[in-house]
Amino acid sequence: MSFVPLTEAERTEMLGTLGLADAGALFDVLPESIRFPAIDIGPALTEMEAVSQLEGLAARNTPLGSVPSFLGAGAYRHFIPSAVGAIMSRSEYGTSYTPYQPEVSQGTLQVMFEFQSLVCALTAMEVANASVYDGASALAEAALMAMRSTGRDRLVVSGAVHPHYRGVLDTYVGAKQPDITTSDVIVEDGVLVERGLIEALDEQTACCIVSQPTFFGEIRDLTPVVEAAHRVGALVVEVYNPTSLGILKPPGESGADIAVAEGQALGIPLSYGGPYVGLMSCRRELVRQLPGRIAGEARDAQGRRGFVLTLQAREQHIRREKATSNICTSQTWISLGVTAYLALLGPEGLRSVGNACHETARYAADRLAAIPGVAVVTPRPFFHEFAIRTLLSASELNRRLLERGIIGGFDLGPSYPHLADVSLLCCTELTSPAAVDALVESVRDVVRSSP
């Protein structure tokens, strides 16, 4: 669509309607002292000088992959086939702005449809949307879905759900002032245990929010939680790790009503934290409460297959205050990368990635557990993350590992103050045995030298 600027006559008419003499008067409400602040950005640079300066700044970063890294906690470094980037760069999959006009947006709409189909296949759910902003906002939207569907305003949340997700949930639903009860996670008999989740469920509970694997990497049998929630009429929201579904039971087979995840692990680079993509799927009967866009398959007058947006009345651009959500966009370009990645790997490829992640993590945990003064506190089985407790604080352990050229794990102290000496480590298919060996020897030296 071509950009057509306003004519001078149109500008004059608009200003006249507002009773203003010129466009500058629009800014009279701003104090004059802040309209044109003096900003010292230094002298002008030539292109050569600017490139040199930017390269110097970039060199201060440690490129991920140049040193062993065991940091995960929701953002993961996986191998991304080159074809993913090539497919994402194809112009036929891009549409300016929003695909409201299907006749000129078939590329984007097909990506949405294929993406939804893959998410449904991945999660064993009946319906998926065309993505939301990220995993944390997907969880918050799922909680709002549950509150609308049940007419209840109480949320029971596992303390083993990602703490950042729980923080976004608190902010997102805060205006509705729901009653949010979170279970406790403690170390008992040398392992992490959760207390009070099932006991917190009652007839006022809209949903029970759990994760599989847990934030600490543990793989659990969710059957008791699902059955207890459904007995009191509550929905179950499962936060899952998409890579794990190559080897674990999907949310739909576990009895979850809504499944949400961060899709970054499926072919999207870490990119300093984004943009990422939120995955949402649910049972068919909840589809009208599902936020965001849904692409559907249709036939034109000649019987040719095509794609359209469907159930648009759920969106805020149609219903405004009656909409299911203010989300009226999606991370379509990022979801294109997810679609390409899953299509390239297929079920067997995803299973291979999941197995490689798990086997490497198990090797690392076994070797670390053999070090005096180190304990693996995540119960087994776990997927590709596990927590260790040492004689040092996690922050001090990470500092000393970094001195040895190793990026350590996630410090649990800020999110779980009673776990300040516990670090969450992650392994993926890109974690080599040599990197694990280097970590083990460094932890051994650090723990041995600690007072």
Protein backbone atom coordinates (compact mmCIF):
# COMPACT_ATOMS: atom_id res chain seq x y z
CA MET A 1 0.00 0.00 0.00
CA SER A 2 1.43 3.37 -1.03
CA PHE A 3 1.88 6.10 1.57
CA VAL A 4 -0.14 9.19 0.63
CA PRO A 5 0.88 12.24 2.68
CA LEU A 6 -1.51 14.99 3.66
CA THR A 7 -1.84 17.94 1.35
CA GLU A 8 -1.24 21.44 2.63
CA ALA A 9 -4.97 22.19 2.30
CA GLU A 10 -5.80 19.16 4.47
CA ARG A 11 -3.30 20.24 7.13
CA THR A 12 -4.79 23.74 7.15
CA GLU A 13 -8.30 22.34 7.50
CA MET A 14 -7.28 20.09 10.40
CA LEU A 15 -5.49 22.90 12.22
CA GLY A 16 -8.49 25.19 11.66
CA THR A 17 -10.80 22.60 13.21
CA LEU A 18 -8.52 22.51 16.25
CA GLY A 19 -8.32 26.30 16.35
CA LEU A 20 -4.54 26.33 15.91
CA ALA A 21 -2.42 28.55 13.70
CA ASP A 22 0.29 26.00 12.91
CA ALA A 23 1.50 22.52 13.83
CA GLY A 24 3.96 23.94 16.33
CA ALA A 25 1.06 24.98 18.53
CA LEU A 26 0.31 21.31 19.15
CA PHE A 27 3.36 21.22 21.40
CA ASP A 28 2.54 24.29 23.48
CA VAL A 29 1.41 22.03 26.32
CA LEU A 30 5.02 20.96 26.79
CA PRO A 31 7.31 23.23 28.82
CA GLU A 32 9.56 25.13 26.45
CA SER A 33 12.65 23.96 28.36
CA ILE A 34 12.13 20.34 27.31
CA ARG A 35 11.01 20.81 23.70
CA PHE A 36 14.49 20.99 22.22
CA PRO A 37 16.92 19.81 24.91
CA ALA A 38 20.63 20.15 24.30
CA ILE A 39 22.07 16.64 24.14
CA ASP A 40 25.83 16.21 24.06
CA ILE A 41 26.38 13.32 21.66
CA GLY A 42 29.86 14.37 20.71
CA PRO A 43 31.20 15.53 17.38
CA ALA A 44 29.99 14.14 14.08
CA LEU A 45 31.74 10.96 12.92
CA THR A 46 32.60 9.68 9.51
CA GLU A 47 31.22 6.28 8.57
CA MET A 48 34.64 4.72 9.10
CA GLU A 49 34.93 6.26 12.57
CA ALA A 50 31.39 5.21 13.52
CA VAL A 51 31.99 1.61 12.43
CA SER A 52 35.23 1.49 14.41
CA GLN A 53 33.51 2.81 17.52
CA LEU A 54 30.63 0.35 17.24
CA GLU A 55 33.02 -2.56 16.70
CA GLY A 56 34.86 -1.52 19.86
CA LEU A 57 31.63 -1.56 21.84
CA ALA A 58 30.64 -4.94 20.40
CA ALA A 59 34.04 -6.41 21.31
CA ARG A 60 33.26 -5.79 24.98
CA ASN A 61 30.60 -8.52 24.82
CA THR A 62 31.40 -12.19 25.21
CA PRO A 63 29.84 -13.92 22.20
CA LEU A 64 27.66 -16.79 23.34
CA GLY A 65 29.28 -19.95 22.12
CA SER A 66 32.81 -18.64 22.52
CA VAL A 67 32.87 -19.88 26.13
CA PRO A 68 31.01 -22.70 27.90
CA SER A 69 27.61 -21.47 29.10
CA PHE A 70 25.15 -23.17 31.45
CA LEU A 71 22.63 -20.36 31.69
CA GLY A 72 19.07 -21.16 30.65
CA ALA A 73 16.08 -20.38 32.88
CA GLY A 74 13.62 -19.82 30.05
CA ALA A 75 15.93 -18.60 27.27
CA TYR A 76 17.90 -21.33 25.53
CA ARG A 77 20.69 -21.64 23.01
CA HIS A 78 19.90 -24.37 20.48
CA PHE A 79 21.24 -25.14 17.04
CA ILE A 80 19.24 -23.31 14.37
CA PRO A 81 19.39 -24.69 10.80
CA SER A 82 20.45 -22.05 8.26
CA ALA A 83 17.26 -22.68 6.31
CA VAL A 84 15.24 -21.06 9.13
CA GLY A 85 16.77 -17.64 8.50
CA ALA A 86 16.46 -18.08 4.73
CA ILE A 87 12.75 -18.89 5.00
CA MET A 88 12.14 -15.99 7.38
CA SER A 89 13.63 -13.62 4.81
CA ARG A 90 11.19 -14.64 2.05
CA SER A 91 9.01 -11.70 1.09
CA GLU A 92 5.94 -13.79 0.21
CA TYR A 93 5.45 -14.54 3.92
CA GLY A 94 5.36 -10.88 4.89
CA THR A 95 2.38 -8.54 4.85
CA SER A 96 2.42 -4.88 5.75
CA TYR A 97 0.64 -4.20 9.03
CA THR A 98 -2.35 -6.47 9.65
CA PRO A 99 -3.77 -9.19 7.35
CA TYR A 100 -7.34 -7.90 7.46
CA GLN A 101 -7.59 -8.22 3.67
CA PRO A 102 -7.05 -11.93 2.99
CA GLU A 103 -6.84 -11.46 -0.77
CA VAL A 104 -3.52 -9.62 -0.38
CA SER A 105 -2.29 -11.41 2.77
CA GLN A 106 -2.24 -15.09 1.85
CA GLY A 107 1.45 -15.56 2.69
CA THR A 108 1.07 -14.26 6.25
CA LEU A 109 -2.24 -16.04 6.81
CA GLN A 110 -0.79 -19.35 5.61
CA VAL A 111 2.11 -18.99 8.04
CA MET A 112 -0.39 -18.38 10.85
CA PHE A 113 -2.44 -21.42 9.86
CA GLU A 114 0.58 -23.71 9.59
CA PHE A 115 1.98 -22.39 12.86
CA GLN A 116 -1.32 -23.04 14.66
CA SER A 117 -1.48 -26.54 13.19
CA LEU A 118 2.04 -27.33 14.42
CA VAL A 119 1.34 -25.98 17.91
CA CYS A 120 -1.80 -28.13 18.11
CA ALA A 121 0.18 -31.19 17.00
CA LEU A 122 2.95 -30.38 19.48
CA THR A 123 0.64 -29.93 22.46
CA ALA A 124 -2.14 -32.41 21.58
CA MET A 125 -4.62 -29.55 21.89
CA GLU A 126 -7.54 -28.80 19.58
CA VAL A 127 -7.09 -25.04 19.00
CA ALA A 128 -4.14 -22.64 18.94
CA ASN A 129 -3.88 -18.94 18.21
CA ALA A 130 -1.41 -17.26 15.88
CA SER A 131 0.92 -16.45 18.82
CA VAL A 132 1.12 -13.73 21.44
CA TYR A 133 4.02 -11.63 22.65
CA ASP A 134 5.98 -14.10 24.77
CA GLY A 135 5.61 -16.96 27.21
CA ALA A 136 5.00 -14.77 30.25
CA SER A 137 2.17 -12.78 28.65
CA ALA A 138 0.72 -16.05 27.30
CA LEU A 139 0.49 -17.32 30.89
CA ALA A 140 -1.21 -14.11 32.03
CA GLU A 141 -3.69 -14.28 29.14
CA ALA A 142 -4.42 -17.91 30.05
CA ALA A 143 -5.27 -16.86 33.61
CA LEU A 144 -7.65 -14.20 32.27
CA MET A 145 -9.20 -16.84 29.99
CA ALA A 146 -9.82 -19.07 32.98
CA MET A 147 -11.34 -16.25 35.00
CA ARG A 148 -13.73 -15.35 32.16
CA SER A 149 -14.65 -18.97 31.51
CA THR A 150 -15.34 -19.95 35.11
CA GLY A 151 -16.60 -16.65 36.48
CA ARG A 152 -14.18 -17.06 39.37
CA ASP A 153 -11.38 -14.77 40.53
CA ARG A 154 -9.01 -17.01 42.46
CA LEU A 155 -5.74 -18.29 40.98
CA VAL A 156 -3.63 -21.08 42.45
CA VAL A 157 -0.07 -20.94 41.14
CA SER A 158 2.74 -23.41 41.59
CA GLY A 159 5.83 -21.87 43.15
CA ALA A 160 7.79 -24.00 40.66
CA VAL A 161 6.51 -21.87 37.76
CA HIS A 162 9.13 -19.46 36.35
CA PRO A 163 9.34 -16.52 38.81
CA HIS A 164 9.47 -13.98 35.97
CA TYR A 165 6.26 -15.42 34.54
CA ARG A 166 4.64 -15.13 37.96
CA GLY A 167 5.77 -11.52 38.16
CA VAL A 168 4.19 -10.72 34.79
CA LEU A 169 1.03 -12.53 35.89
CA ASP A 170 0.76 -10.34 39.00
CA THR A 171 1.14 -7.17 36.93
CA TYR A 172 -1.11 -8.29 34.08
CA VAL A 173 -4.13 -9.31 36.14
CA GLY A 174 -3.59 -6.88 39.00
CA ALA A 175 -6.36 -4.51 37.93
CA LYS A 176 -8.91 -7.28 38.47
CA GLN A 177 -7.58 -7.79 42.01
CA PRO A 178 -7.75 -11.59 41.94
CA ASP A 179 -6.87 -13.74 44.92
CA ILE A 180 -3.54 -15.33 43.96
CA THR A 181 -2.22 -18.17 46.11
CA THR A 182 1.28 -19.50 45.41
CA SER A 183 2.65 -22.77 46.77
CA ASP A 184 5.96 -23.00 48.60
CA VAL A 185 9.15 -24.58 47.25
CA ILE A 186 11.69 -25.67 49.87
CA VAL A 187 14.66 -28.00 50.19
CA GLU A 188 13.72 -31.03 52.26
CA ASP A 189 15.96 -34.05 52.79
CA GLY A 190 18.37 -32.66 50.22
CA VAL A 191 15.90 -32.10 47.35
CA LEU A 192 13.44 -29.45 46.28
CA VAL A 193 9.84 -30.16 47.20
CA GLU A 194 6.62 -28.24 46.71
CA ARG A 195 4.07 -27.84 49.47
CA GLY A 196 0.47 -26.64 49.51
CA LEU A 197 -0.53 -26.68 45.84
CA ILE A 198 -3.39 -29.20 45.85
CA GLU A 199 -4.45 -28.10 49.33
CA ALA A 200 -5.00 -24.55 48.06
CA LEU A 201 -7.62 -25.59 45.48
CA ASP A 202 -11.26 -24.85 46.27
CA GLU A 203 -14.61 -24.13 44.59
CA GLN A 204 -13.61 -20.49 44.04
CA THR A 205 -10.49 -21.37 42.05
CA ALA A 206 -10.54 -20.32 38.39
CA CYS A 207 -7.40 -22.22 37.46
CA CYS A 208 -4.38 -24.04 38.76
CA ILE A 209 -1.16 -23.02 37.02
CA VAL A 210 1.63 -25.60 36.86
CA SER A 211 4.71 -26.17 34.74
CA GLN A 212 6.16 -29.25 33.07
CA PRO A 213 9.08 -29.50 33.48
CA THR A 214 9.17 -27.26 36.54
CA PHE A 215 11.31 -24.15 36.59
CA PHE A 216 13.90 -26.29 38.38
CA GLY A 217 13.85 -28.87 35.57
CA GLU A 218 11.93 -31.63 37.37
CA ILE A 219 9.58 -33.84 35.35
CA ARG A 220 6.50 -34.62 37.43
CA ASP A 221 3.34 -36.67 37.18
CA LEU A 222 0.66 -33.98 36.94
CA THR A 223 -2.25 -36.40 37.26
CA PRO A 224 -2.98 -35.71 40.98
CA VAL A 225 -2.99 -31.94 40.41
CA VAL A 226 -5.15 -32.14 37.27
CA GLU A 227 -7.68 -34.41 38.92
CA ALA A 228 -7.86 -32.27 42.05
CA ALA A 229 -8.37 -29.08 40.02
CA HIS A 230 -11.08 -30.59 37.85
CA ARG A 231 -12.89 -31.95 40.93
CA VAL A 232 -13.50 -28.37 42.12
CA GLY A 233 -14.35 -27.09 38.63
CA ALA A 234 -11.06 -25.27 38.06
CA LEU A 235 -9.16 -25.24 34.78
CA VAL A 236 -5.56 -26.38 34.51
CA VAL A 237 -3.00 -24.14 32.78
CA GLU A 238 0.24 -25.93 31.91
CA VAL A 239 3.43 -24.01 31.17
CA TYR A 240 5.60 -26.31 29.08
CA ASN A 241 9.07 -26.34 27.53
CA PRO A 242 8.43 -26.95 23.80
CA THR A 243 11.74 -28.74 23.27
CA SER A 244 10.79 -31.27 25.94
CA LEU A 245 7.74 -32.37 23.96
CA GLY A 246 10.00 -34.37 21.70
CA ILE A 247 10.21 -36.90 24.56
CA LEU A 248 7.53 -35.96 27.14
CA LYS A 249 3.76 -36.37 27.23
CA PRO A 250 2.10 -33.25 25.72
CA PRO A 251 -0.23 -31.03 27.81
CA GLY A 252 -3.35 -32.27 26.04
CA GLU A 253 -2.61 -35.84 27.13
CA SER A 254 -1.87 -34.70 30.69
CA GLY A 255 -5.37 -33.26 31.05
CA ALA A 256 -4.47 -29.57 30.79
CA ASP A 257 -7.18 -27.20 29.56
CA ILE A 258 -4.84 -24.44 28.36
CA ALA A 259 -1.18 -24.85 27.37
CA VAL A 260 1.28 -21.95 27.14
CA ALA A 261 4.98 -21.66 26.44
CA GLU A 262 7.81 -19.47 25.27
CA GLY A 263 8.61 -20.52 21.70
CA GLN A 264 12.11 -19.02 21.53
CA ALA A 265 13.75 -22.45 21.85
CA LEU A 266 12.20 -23.46 18.52
CA GLY A 267 14.55 -21.81 16.06
CA ILE A 268 14.80 -18.28 17.47
CA PRO A 269 18.18 -16.87 18.59
CA LEU A 270 18.59 -15.38 22.05
CA SER A 271 18.91 -11.87 20.55
CA TYR A 272 19.60 -10.09 23.85
CA GLY A 273 16.15 -11.12 25.10
CA GLY A 274 13.80 -10.72 22.17
CA PRO A 275 11.65 -10.44 20.26
CA TYR A 276 10.29 -13.83 21.25
CA VAL A 277 6.95 -15.55 20.69
CA GLY A 278 4.25 -16.85 23.03
CA LEU A 279 2.53 -20.15 22.27
CA MET A 280 -1.12 -20.65 23.33
CA SER A 281 -3.40 -23.61 22.73
CA CYS A 282 -6.53 -24.91 24.43
CA ARG A 283 -9.51 -27.24 24.29
CA ARG A 284 -12.05 -26.46 21.56
CA GLU A 285 -14.79 -25.35 23.98
CA LEU A 286 -12.56 -22.49 25.18
CA VAL A 287 -11.82 -21.12 21.70
CA ARG A 288 -14.01 -18.03 22.06
CA GLN A 289 -12.03 -17.01 25.10
CA LEU A 290 -8.68 -17.48 23.34
CA PRO A 291 -7.06 -14.05 22.76
CA GLY A 292 -5.18 -12.85 19.71
CA ARG A 293 -5.63 -13.93 16.13
CA ILE A 294 -6.78 -17.24 14.71
CA ALA A 295 -6.28 -18.05 11.04
CA GLY A 296 -8.70 -20.44 9.38
CA GLU A 297 -8.84 -22.36 6.13
CA ALA A 298 -11.51 -21.43 3.56
CA ARG A 299 -12.48 -21.89 -0.10
CA ASP A 300 -13.13 -19.11 -2.59
CA ALA A 301 -15.96 -19.00 -5.15
CA GLN A 302 -13.90 -21.21 -7.49
CA GLY A 303 -13.26 -23.75 -4.73
CA ARG A 304 -9.59 -22.82 -4.32
CA ARG A 305 -7.99 -23.24 -0.88
CA GLY A 306 -7.25 -20.01 0.96
CA PHE A 307 -6.76 -18.60 4.44
CA VAL A 308 -8.64 -15.98 6.46
CA LEU A 309 -8.80 -14.53 9.95
CA THR A 310 -11.65 -16.15 11.85
CA LEU A 311 -13.64 -15.34 15.01
CA GLN A 312 -12.51 -11.73 14.71
CA ALA A 313 -15.28 -10.51 16.99
CA ARG A 314 -13.05 -11.55 19.91
CA GLU A 315 -10.53 -8.82 19.11
CA GLN A 316 -10.40 -5.31 20.51
CA HIS A 317 -10.43 -3.67 17.07
CA ILE A 318 -13.92 -5.10 16.61
CA ARG A 319 -15.52 -5.20 20.06
CA ARG A 320 -13.35 -2.80 22.06
CA GLU A 321 -14.50 -3.00 25.70
CA LYS A 322 -16.13 -6.42 25.17
CA ALA A 323 -13.05 -7.99 23.62
CA THR A 324 -11.36 -11.00 25.18
CA SER A 325 -8.01 -9.18 25.16
CA ASN A 326 -6.23 -6.02 24.12
CA ILE A 327 -3.81 -8.19 22.17
CA CYS A 328 -4.57 -7.33 18.55
CA THR A 329 -1.26 -8.29 17.01
CA SER A 330 0.99 -11.33 16.96
CA GLN A 331 4.66 -12.18 16.62
CA THR A 332 4.02 -13.49 13.11
CA TRP A 333 7.55 -13.07 11.78
CA ILE A 334 8.98 -14.88 14.80
CA SER A 335 6.31 -17.59 14.54
CA LEU A 336 7.42 -18.06 10.92
CA GLY A 337 10.82 -19.04 12.30
CA VAL A 338 9.19 -21.47 14.72
CA THR A 339 7.14 -22.95 11.87
CA ALA A 340 10.21 -23.40 9.68
CA TYR A 341 12.21 -24.95 12.52
CA LEU A 342 9.54 -27.51 13.43
CA ALA A 343 8.90 -28.37 9.79
CA LEU A 344 12.61 -28.89 9.16
CA LEU A 345 13.17 -31.07 12.24
CA GLY A 346 9.96 -33.06 12.20
CA PRO A 347 8.96 -35.35 15.09
CA GLU A 348 12.14 -37.44 14.93
CA GLY A 349 14.39 -34.40 14.82
CA LEU A 350 12.68 -32.81 17.82
CA ARG A 351 12.95 -36.10 19.68
CA SER A 352 16.69 -36.24 18.92
CA VAL A 353 17.18 -32.70 20.24
CA GLY A 354 15.25 -33.50 23.41
CA ASN A 355 17.21 -36.68 24.03
CA ALA A 356 20.54 -34.92 23.45
CA CYS A 357 19.60 -32.15 25.90
CA HIS A 358 18.51 -34.63 28.57
CA GLU A 359 21.48 -36.95 28.22
CA THR A 360 23.99 -34.09 28.47
CA ALA A 361 22.24 -32.67 31.54
CA ARG A 362 22.21 -36.08 33.19
CA TYR A 363 25.94 -36.50 32.50
CA ALA A 364 26.65 -33.07 34.00
CA ALA A 365 24.51 -33.72 37.08
CA ASP A 366 26.12 -37.10 37.74
CA ARG A 367 29.62 -35.65 37.57
CA LEU A 368 28.79 -32.60 39.71
CA ALA A 369 27.05 -34.73 42.34
CA ALA A 370 30.29 -36.65 42.82
CA ILE A 371 32.09 -33.51 44.02
CA PRO A 372 32.28 -33.17 47.85
CA GLY A 373 30.30 -30.09 48.87
CA VAL A 374 28.01 -30.15 45.82
CA ALA A 375 24.47 -31.54 45.88
CA VAL A 376 21.97 -31.85 43.04
CA VAL A 377 18.69 -30.70 44.62
CA THR A 378 16.34 -31.09 41.64
CA PRO A 379 14.59 -34.46 42.03
CA ARG A 380 15.06 -36.93 39.20
CA PRO A 381 13.92 -37.31 36.52
CA PHE A 382 14.66 -33.87 35.12
CA PHE A 383 14.80 -32.64 31.53
CA HIS A 384 17.73 -30.39 30.61
CA GLU A 385 17.97 -28.17 33.70
CA PHE A 386 18.80 -29.02 37.28
CA ALA A 387 19.69 -27.10 40.43
CA ILE A 388 22.80 -27.57 42.53
CA ARG A 389 23.59 -26.42 46.06
CA THR A 390 27.19 -25.63 47.00
CA LEU A 391 29.09 -24.18 49.94
CA LEU A 392 29.03 -20.76 48.25
CA SER A 393 26.24 -18.43 47.26
CA ALA A 394 25.16 -18.84 43.65
CA SER A 395 26.31 -15.30 42.84
CA GLU A 396 29.78 -16.00 44.23
CA LEU A 397 29.96 -19.31 42.39
CA ASN A 398 29.06 -17.59 39.12
CA ARG A 399 31.65 -14.87 39.72
CA ARG A 400 34.42 -17.40 40.22
CA LEU A 401 33.31 -19.47 37.24
CA LEU A 402 33.37 -16.39 35.04
CA GLU A 403 36.96 -15.75 36.12
CA ARG A 404 37.69 -19.18 34.64
CA GLY A 405 35.93 -18.39 31.37
CA ILE A 406 32.63 -20.17 32.12
CA ILE A 407 29.14 -18.67 32.26
CA GLY A 408 27.43 -20.32 35.21
CA GLY A 409 23.79 -20.98 35.95
CA PHE A 410 20.82 -18.90 37.04
CA ASP A 411 21.10 -17.47 40.55
CA LEU A 412 17.92 -18.48 42.39
CA GLY A 413 18.57 -16.13 45.32
CA PRO A 414 16.75 -13.01 44.01
CA SER A 415 13.60 -15.01 43.23
CA TYR A 416 13.82 -17.51 46.11
CA PRO A 417 15.74 -15.85 49.00
CA HIS A 418 15.96 -19.13 50.92
CA LEU A 419 17.73 -20.68 47.91
CA ALA A 420 20.56 -18.16 47.65
CA ASP A 421 23.10 -20.99 47.61
CA VAL A 422 21.32 -22.82 44.78
CA SER A 423 22.15 -22.38 41.10
CA LEU A 424 20.05 -23.58 38.15
CA LEU A 425 22.20 -25.10 35.39
CA CYS A 426 21.13 -25.80 31.81
CA CYS A 427 22.46 -28.07 29.06
CA THR A 428 21.33 -28.25 25.44
CA GLU A 429 22.43 -30.22 22.40
CA LEU A 430 25.09 -27.51 21.90
CA THR A 431 26.69 -28.25 25.29
CA SER A 432 29.70 -30.40 24.54
CA PRO A 433 31.14 -33.05 26.89
CA ALA A 434 34.31 -30.94 27.00
CA ALA A 435 32.29 -27.95 28.25
CA VAL A 436 30.73 -30.13 30.98
CA ASP A 437 34.16 -31.41 31.98
CA ALA A 438 35.48 -27.85 32.20
CA LEU A 439 32.52 -26.89 34.42
CA VAL A 440 33.05 -29.88 36.70
CA GLU A 441 36.74 -29.19 37.18
CA SER A 442 36.11 -25.48 37.79
CA VAL A 443 33.35 -26.16 40.35
CA ARG A 444 35.62 -28.71 42.05
CA ASP A 445 38.42 -26.13 42.32
CA VAL A 446 36.09 -23.36 43.49
CA VAL A 447 34.40 -25.48 46.16
CA ARG A 448 37.72 -26.92 47.36
CA SER A 449 39.22 -23.45 47.76
CA SER A 450 36.17 -21.96 49.52
CA PRO A 451 36.47 -21.44 53.29
